[in-house]
Amino acid sequence: HALLDQHARLQRMEKLQLEHAIGTHLVEIELDDHAAAVGKSLKELSLPPDSLIISIRRGGRVVVPRGDTHLPAGDLAVAFVPEGGEENLREYLLKGGNGREG
């Protein structure tokens, strides 16, 4: 367990260093059965222009997202967002709204 804890701490440190270096935050948003994005492709979604989905975790594997990648329930979207942008992206993916502009 100590080795796993150390590995997890190192991963968190690397994540924070990356976020600081590029001025964004790495977030994960799980798509439940009721998420507005479920069943749609990435190109069908009007995502915030300052957000970028960089990978999708689907059942134990990682999917590299492309425009034609469809999002089933249970997917975990991993994205870069600007500071304060997580709720905006969450609004787009889960509720289909435009979130807060700004």
C-alpha atoms as a PDB file:
ATOM      1  CA  HIS A   1       0.000   0.000   0.000  1.00  0.00           C
ATOM      2  CA  ALA A   2       2.863   2.385   0.753  1.00  0.00           C
ATOM      3  CA  LEU A   3       4.170   2.064  -2.801  1.00  0.00           C
ATOM      4  CA  LEU A   4       0.700   2.740  -4.238  1.00  0.00           C
ATOM      5  CA  ASP A   5       0.284   5.769  -1.965  1.00  0.00           C
ATOM      6  CA  GLN A   6       3.659   7.113  -3.079  1.00  0.00           C
ATOM      7  CA  HIS A   7       2.730   6.575  -6.736  1.00  0.00           C
ATOM      8  CA  ALA A   8      -0.592   8.394  -6.232  1.00  0.00           C
ATOM      9  CA  ARG A   9       1.206  11.328  -4.567  1.00  0.00           C
ATOM     10  CA  LEU A  10       3.669  11.534  -7.465  1.00  0.00           C
ATOM     11  CA  GLN A  11       0.808  11.522  -9.969  1.00  0.00           C
ATOM     12  CA  ARG A  12      -0.924  14.370  -8.101  1.00  0.00           C
ATOM     13  CA  MET A  13       2.330  16.366  -8.037  1.00  0.00           C
ATOM     14  CA  GLU A  14       2.855  15.841 -11.774  1.00  0.00           C
ATOM     15  CA  LYS A  15      -0.732  16.909 -12.452  1.00  0.00           C
ATOM     16  CA  LEU A  16      -0.305  20.103 -10.429  1.00  0.00           C
ATOM     17  CA  GLN A  17       2.994  20.897 -12.153  1.00  0.00           C
ATOM     18  CA  LEU A  18       1.383  20.436 -15.569  1.00  0.00           C
ATOM     19  CA  GLU A  19      -1.617  22.579 -14.617  1.00  0.00           C
ATOM     20  CA  HIS A  20       0.681  25.339 -13.384  1.00  0.00           C
ATOM     21  CA  ALA A  21       2.897  25.174 -16.483  1.00  0.00           C
ATOM     22  CA  ILE A  22       0.063  25.488 -19.004  1.00  0.00           C
ATOM     23  CA  GLY A  23      -2.428  27.543 -16.975  1.00  0.00           C
ATOM     24  CA  THR A  24      -5.217  24.991 -17.107  1.00  0.00           C
ATOM     25  CA  HIS A  25      -6.759  22.372 -14.865  1.00  0.00           C
ATOM     26  CA  LEU A  26      -7.161  18.693 -15.623  1.00  0.00           C
ATOM     27  CA  VAL A  27     -10.686  17.530 -14.778  1.00  0.00           C
ATOM     28  CA  GLU A  28     -12.668  14.315 -15.058  1.00  0.00           C
ATOM     29  CA  ILE A  29     -16.401  14.300 -15.723  1.00  0.00           C
ATOM     30  CA  GLU A  30     -18.371  11.063 -15.630  1.00  0.00           C
ATOM     31  CA  LEU A  31     -21.299  10.768 -18.014  1.00  0.00           C
ATOM     32  CA  ASP A  32     -24.279   9.150 -16.336  1.00  0.00           C
ATOM     33  CA  ASP A  33     -27.370   7.789 -18.093  1.00  0.00           C
ATOM     34  CA  HIS A  34     -29.013  11.219 -18.078  1.00  0.00           C
ATOM     35  CA  ALA A  35     -26.071  13.271 -19.377  1.00  0.00           C
ATOM     36  CA  ALA A  36     -26.952  15.381 -22.406  1.00  0.00           C
ATOM     37  CA  ALA A  37     -23.769  14.278 -24.220  1.00  0.00           C
ATOM     38  CA  VAL A  38     -24.623  10.565 -24.068  1.00  0.00           C
ATOM     39  CA  GLY A  39     -25.212   9.118 -27.523  1.00  0.00           C
ATOM     40  CA  LYS A  40     -23.675  12.097 -29.288  1.00  0.00           C
ATOM     41  CA  SER A  41     -20.356  12.445 -31.052  1.00  0.00           C
ATOM     42  CA  LEU A  42     -17.858  15.065 -29.951  1.00  0.00           C
ATOM     43  CA  LYS A  43     -18.380  17.036 -33.160  1.00  0.00           C
ATOM     44  CA  GLU A  44     -22.123  17.240 -32.377  1.00  0.00           C
ATOM     45  CA  LEU A  45     -21.428  18.932 -29.053  1.00  0.00           C
ATOM     46  CA  SER A  46     -20.908  22.657 -28.756  1.00  0.00           C
ATOM     47  CA  LEU A  47     -18.214  22.537 -26.120  1.00  0.00           C
ATOM     48  CA  PRO A  48     -16.736  25.664 -24.554  1.00  0.00           C
ATOM     49  CA  PRO A  49     -13.973  26.904 -26.866  1.00  0.00           C
ATOM     50  CA  ASP A  50     -11.496  27.070 -23.979  1.00  0.00           C
ATOM     51  CA  SER A  51     -11.983  23.397 -23.015  1.00  0.00           C
ATOM     52  CA  LEU A  52     -10.339  20.367 -24.596  1.00  0.00           C
ATOM     53  CA  ILE A  53     -11.308  16.735 -24.035  1.00  0.00           C
ATOM     54  CA  ILE A  54      -7.967  14.929 -24.156  1.00  0.00           C
ATOM     55  CA  SER A  55      -9.053  11.352 -23.418  1.00  0.00           C
ATOM     56  CA  ILE A  56     -12.011   9.206 -22.536  1.00  0.00           C
ATOM     57  CA  ARG A  57     -11.861   6.351 -20.089  1.00  0.00           C
ATOM     58  CA  ARG A  58     -14.261   3.651 -21.128  1.00  0.00           C
ATOM     59  CA  GLY A  59     -14.454   0.365 -19.187  1.00  0.00           C
ATOM     60  CA  GLY A  60     -10.751  -0.101 -18.307  1.00  0.00           C
ATOM     61  CA  ARG A  61      -9.323   1.350 -21.474  1.00  0.00           C
ATOM     62  CA  VAL A  62      -8.429   4.793 -22.745  1.00  0.00           C
ATOM     63  CA  VAL A  63      -9.983   6.133 -25.937  1.00  0.00           C
ATOM     64  CA  VAL A  64      -8.263   8.953 -27.822  1.00  0.00           C
ATOM     65  CA  PRO A  65     -11.149  11.277 -28.718  1.00  0.00           C
ATOM     66  CA  ARG A  66     -11.813  12.359 -32.273  1.00  0.00           C
ATOM     67  CA  GLY A  67     -14.710  14.293 -33.748  1.00  0.00           C
ATOM     68  CA  ASP A  68     -16.637  11.123 -34.583  1.00  0.00           C
ATOM     69  CA  THR A  69     -16.116   9.560 -31.116  1.00  0.00           C
ATOM     70  CA  HIS A  70     -19.525   8.801 -29.607  1.00  0.00           C
ATOM     71  CA  LEU A  71     -20.055   9.065 -25.859  1.00  0.00           C
ATOM     72  CA  PRO A  72     -22.008   6.286 -24.132  1.00  0.00           C
ATOM     73  CA  ALA A  73     -23.140   6.441 -20.514  1.00  0.00           C
ATOM     74  CA  GLY A  74     -20.358   5.490 -18.142  1.00  0.00           C
ATOM     75  CA  ASP A  75     -17.606   7.263 -20.067  1.00  0.00           C
ATOM     76  CA  LEU A  76     -15.220   9.389 -18.047  1.00  0.00           C
ATOM     77  CA  ALA A  77     -14.193  12.468 -20.027  1.00  0.00           C
ATOM     78  CA  VAL A  78     -10.757  13.836 -19.135  1.00  0.00           C
ATOM     79  CA  ALA A  79     -10.307  17.458 -20.164  1.00  0.00           C
ATOM     80  CA  PHE A  80      -8.172  20.549 -19.840  1.00  0.00           C
ATOM     81  CA  VAL A  81     -10.155  23.608 -18.769  1.00  0.00           C
ATOM     82  CA  PRO A  82      -9.114  27.108 -17.728  1.00  0.00           C
ATOM     83  CA  GLU A  83      -9.239  28.020 -14.064  1.00  0.00           C
ATOM     84  CA  GLY A  84     -12.909  28.137 -13.085  1.00  0.00           C
ATOM     85  CA  GLY A  85     -13.971  26.342 -16.282  1.00  0.00           C
ATOM     86  CA  GLU A  86     -14.896  22.939 -14.848  1.00  0.00           C
ATOM     87  CA  GLU A  87     -18.502  23.846 -14.066  1.00  0.00           C
ATOM     88  CA  ASN A  88     -18.945  25.334 -17.525  1.00  0.00           C
ATOM     89  CA  LEU A  89     -17.786  22.120 -19.230  1.00  0.00           C
ATOM     90  CA  ARG A  90     -19.823  20.035 -16.778  1.00  0.00           C
ATOM     91  CA  GLU A  91     -22.917  22.070 -17.753  1.00  0.00           C
ATOM     92  CA  TYR A  92     -22.288  21.414 -21.451  1.00  0.00           C
ATOM     93  CA  LEU A  93     -21.727  17.675 -21.060  1.00  0.00           C
ATOM     94  CA  LEU A  94     -24.311  16.837 -18.420  1.00  0.00           C
ATOM     95  CA  LYS A  95     -27.130  19.312 -19.016  1.00  0.00           C
ATOM     96  CA  GLY A  96     -26.612  20.348 -22.618  1.00  0.00           C
ATOM     97  CA  GLY A  97     -26.677  23.992 -21.664  1.00  0.00           C
ATOM     98  CA  ASN A  98     -24.269  26.695 -22.560  1.00  0.00           C
ATOM     99  CA  GLY A  99     -22.996  27.032 -19.019  1.00  0.00           C
ATOM    100  CA  ARG A 100     -21.687  30.386 -17.951  1.00  0.00           C
ATOM    101  CA  GLU A 101     -20.166  32.520 -20.636  1.00  0.00           C
ATOM    102  CA  GLY A 102     -16.950  34.282 -19.882  1.00  0.00           C
END
